[in-house]
Amino acid sequence: DCSDRVILYSLITDQPFDVFPFEIERFTGAIFVKSTLDFEKVSTYRFSVKASNLDQITSNFVPVRIDVIDVNDNSPLIQMNLLNEYKATN
C-alpha cells in the first residue's frame, strides 16, 4: 500500500540490542543470528518485526518466535569392555 514501494524492516524487542542475539537486514527483512545461542540459557525467543514504508506513515507488526534446538555440547564418552579371553578360532 505504499507509493514509494520501499519497505523497511526493524526488530522490536524489550531486550537491549547490544545483547539481543538477532539482527535484521532493513531492506529485505532477513533475520540473522549475530551471537551464539545456548538452549540451556534461553530456549525460545519472542519479538516482533516492524515493516513500514519509507516515510514510516504506514506500518505493520508481525510476531516472531524462534525455538532453539538443544544440541549435545559435551564430548562423547565411550567405554569399551574387551574380553581378554576371547580369541578368534580359525
C-alpha atoms as a PDB file:
ATOM      1  CA  ASP A   1       0.000   0.000   0.000  1.00  0.00           C
ATOM      2  CA  CYS A   2       2.937   2.371  -0.202  1.00  0.00           C
ATOM      3  CA  SER A   3       3.560   4.556  -3.225  1.00  0.00           C
ATOM      4  CA  ASP A   4       7.350   4.629  -2.778  1.00  0.00           C
ATOM      5  CA  ARG A   5       7.456   0.788  -2.895  1.00  0.00           C
ATOM      6  CA  VAL A   6      10.256   0.658  -0.344  1.00  0.00           C
ATOM      7  CA  ILE A   7       9.656  -1.386   2.792  1.00  0.00           C
ATOM      8  CA  LEU A   8      11.945  -1.046   5.791  1.00  0.00           C
ATOM      9  CA  TYR A   9      12.158  -3.781   8.426  1.00  0.00           C
ATOM     10  CA  SER A  10      13.194  -3.416  12.060  1.00  0.00           C
ATOM     11  CA  LEU A  11      13.237  -5.576  15.184  1.00  0.00           C
ATOM     12  CA  ILE A  12      11.062  -4.703  18.160  1.00  0.00           C
ATOM     13  CA  THR A  13      12.240  -6.266  21.411  1.00  0.00           C
ATOM     14  CA  ASP A  14      12.362  -5.397  25.085  1.00  0.00           C
ATOM     15  CA  GLN A  15      15.983  -6.587  25.296  1.00  0.00           C
ATOM     16  CA  PRO A  16      18.922  -4.216  24.757  1.00  0.00           C
ATOM     17  CA  PHE A  17      20.162  -4.549  21.170  1.00  0.00           C
ATOM     18  CA  ASP A  18      23.791  -4.963  22.293  1.00  0.00           C
ATOM     19  CA  VAL A  19      22.882  -8.312  23.943  1.00  0.00           C
ATOM     20  CA  PHE A  20      19.984  -9.349  21.675  1.00  0.00           C
ATOM     21  CA  PRO A  21      21.327 -12.249  19.542  1.00  0.00           C
ATOM     22  CA  PHE A  22      19.488 -11.365  16.306  1.00  0.00           C
ATOM     23  CA  GLU A  23      19.670  -8.614  13.722  1.00  0.00           C
ATOM     24  CA  ILE A  24      17.579  -7.834  10.669  1.00  0.00           C
ATOM     25  CA  GLU A  25      18.536  -6.646   7.216  1.00  0.00           C
ATOM     26  CA  ARG A  26      16.475  -3.488   6.930  1.00  0.00           C
ATOM     27  CA  PHE A  27      15.668  -3.742   3.197  1.00  0.00           C
ATOM     28  CA  THR A  28      14.985  -7.496   2.850  1.00  0.00           C
ATOM     29  CA  GLY A  29      13.707  -8.462   6.314  1.00  0.00           C
ATOM     30  CA  ALA A  30      16.169 -11.354   6.558  1.00  0.00           C
ATOM     31  CA  ILE A  31      16.868 -12.205  10.216  1.00  0.00           C
ATOM     32  CA  PHE A  32      20.405 -13.265  11.172  1.00  0.00           C
ATOM     33  CA  VAL A  33      21.942 -14.717  14.334  1.00  0.00           C
ATOM     34  CA  LYS A  34      24.723 -12.392  15.495  1.00  0.00           C
ATOM     35  CA  SER A  35      25.867 -14.272  18.616  1.00  0.00           C
ATOM     36  CA  THR A  36      25.904 -17.826  19.934  1.00  0.00           C
ATOM     37  CA  LEU A  37      22.594 -19.262  21.114  1.00  0.00           C
ATOM     38  CA  ASP A  38      22.512 -21.561  24.144  1.00  0.00           C
ATOM     39  CA  PHE A  39      19.451 -23.741  24.767  1.00  0.00           C
ATOM     40  CA  GLU A  40      20.291 -24.009  28.470  1.00  0.00           C
ATOM     41  CA  LYS A  41      20.126 -20.206  28.849  1.00  0.00           C
ATOM     42  CA  VAL A  42      17.213 -19.320  26.540  1.00  0.00           C
ATOM     43  CA  SER A  43      15.208 -21.930  24.641  1.00  0.00           C
ATOM     44  CA  THR A  44      12.689 -19.591  22.969  1.00  0.00           C
ATOM     45  CA  TYR A  45      12.972 -16.026  21.698  1.00  0.00           C
ATOM     46  CA  ARG A  46       9.885 -13.894  21.047  1.00  0.00           C
ATOM     47  CA  PHE A  47       9.997 -10.497  19.381  1.00  0.00           C
ATOM     48  CA  SER A  48       8.278  -8.544  16.619  1.00  0.00           C
ATOM     49  CA  VAL A  49       9.304  -7.332  13.204  1.00  0.00           C
ATOM     50  CA  LYS A  50       8.029  -3.944  12.089  1.00  0.00           C
ATOM     51  CA  ALA A  51       7.558  -3.418   8.358  1.00  0.00           C
ATOM     52  CA  SER A  52       6.988   0.176   7.294  1.00  0.00           C
ATOM     53  CA  ASN A  53       7.141   2.305   4.188  1.00  0.00           C
ATOM     54  CA  LEU A  54       9.985   4.760   3.683  1.00  0.00           C
ATOM     55  CA  ASP A  55       8.294   7.702   5.405  1.00  0.00           C
ATOM     56  CA  GLN A  56       7.040   5.320   8.147  1.00  0.00           C
ATOM     57  CA  ILE A  57       3.442   6.531   7.846  1.00  0.00           C
ATOM     58  CA  THR A  58       2.187   3.007   7.080  1.00  0.00           C
ATOM     59  CA  SER A  59       3.498   0.125   9.157  1.00  0.00           C
ATOM     60  CA  ASN A  60       2.581  -3.296  10.426  1.00  0.00           C
ATOM     61  CA  PHE A  61       3.953  -5.653  13.075  1.00  0.00           C
ATOM     62  CA  VAL A  62       4.486  -9.411  12.838  1.00  0.00           C
ATOM     63  CA  PRO A  63       5.246 -11.582  15.882  1.00  0.00           C
ATOM     64  CA  VAL A  64       8.268 -13.883  15.564  1.00  0.00           C
ATOM     65  CA  ARG A  65       9.044 -16.948  17.665  1.00  0.00           C
ATOM     66  CA  ILE A  66      12.388 -18.732  17.389  1.00  0.00           C
ATOM     67  CA  ASP A  67      12.865 -22.055  19.202  1.00  0.00           C
ATOM     68  CA  VAL A  68      16.460 -23.046  19.924  1.00  0.00           C
ATOM     69  CA  ILE A  69      17.178 -26.757  19.474  1.00  0.00           C
ATOM     70  CA  ASP A  70      19.202 -28.443  22.194  1.00  0.00           C
ATOM     71  CA  VAL A  71      22.483 -29.830  20.916  1.00  0.00           C
ATOM     72  CA  ASN A  72      24.778 -32.057  22.960  1.00  0.00           C
ATOM     73  CA  ASP A  73      27.692 -29.759  23.733  1.00  0.00           C
ATOM     74  CA  ASN A  74      29.622 -32.403  25.691  1.00  0.00           C
ATOM     75  CA  SER A  75      32.224 -34.619  24.092  1.00  0.00           C
ATOM     76  CA  PRO A  76      31.039 -38.211  23.771  1.00  0.00           C
ATOM     77  CA  LEU A  77      32.398 -40.668  26.299  1.00  0.00           C
ATOM     78  CA  ILE A  78      32.762 -44.223  25.098  1.00  0.00           C
ATOM     79  CA  GLN A  79      33.604 -47.020  27.472  1.00  0.00           C
ATOM     80  CA  MET A  80      34.513 -50.346  25.939  1.00  0.00           C
ATOM     81  CA  ASN A  81      34.789 -53.614  27.789  1.00  0.00           C
ATOM     82  CA  LEU A  82      37.045 -56.019  25.965  1.00  0.00           C
ATOM     83  CA  LEU A  83      37.167 -59.651  26.879  1.00  0.00           C
ATOM     84  CA  ASN A  84      40.765 -60.772  27.148  1.00  0.00           C
ATOM     85  CA  GLU A  85      39.764 -64.409  26.944  1.00  0.00           C
ATOM     86  CA  TYR A  86      38.078 -64.000  23.608  1.00  0.00           C
ATOM     87  CA  LYS A  87      40.166 -65.371  20.782  1.00  0.00           C
ATOM     88  CA  ALA A  88      39.110 -65.942  17.236  1.00  0.00           C
ATOM     89  CA  THR A  89      39.368 -69.527  16.141  1.00  0.00           C
ATOM     90  CA  ASN A  90      40.326 -70.475  12.620  1.00  0.00           C
END
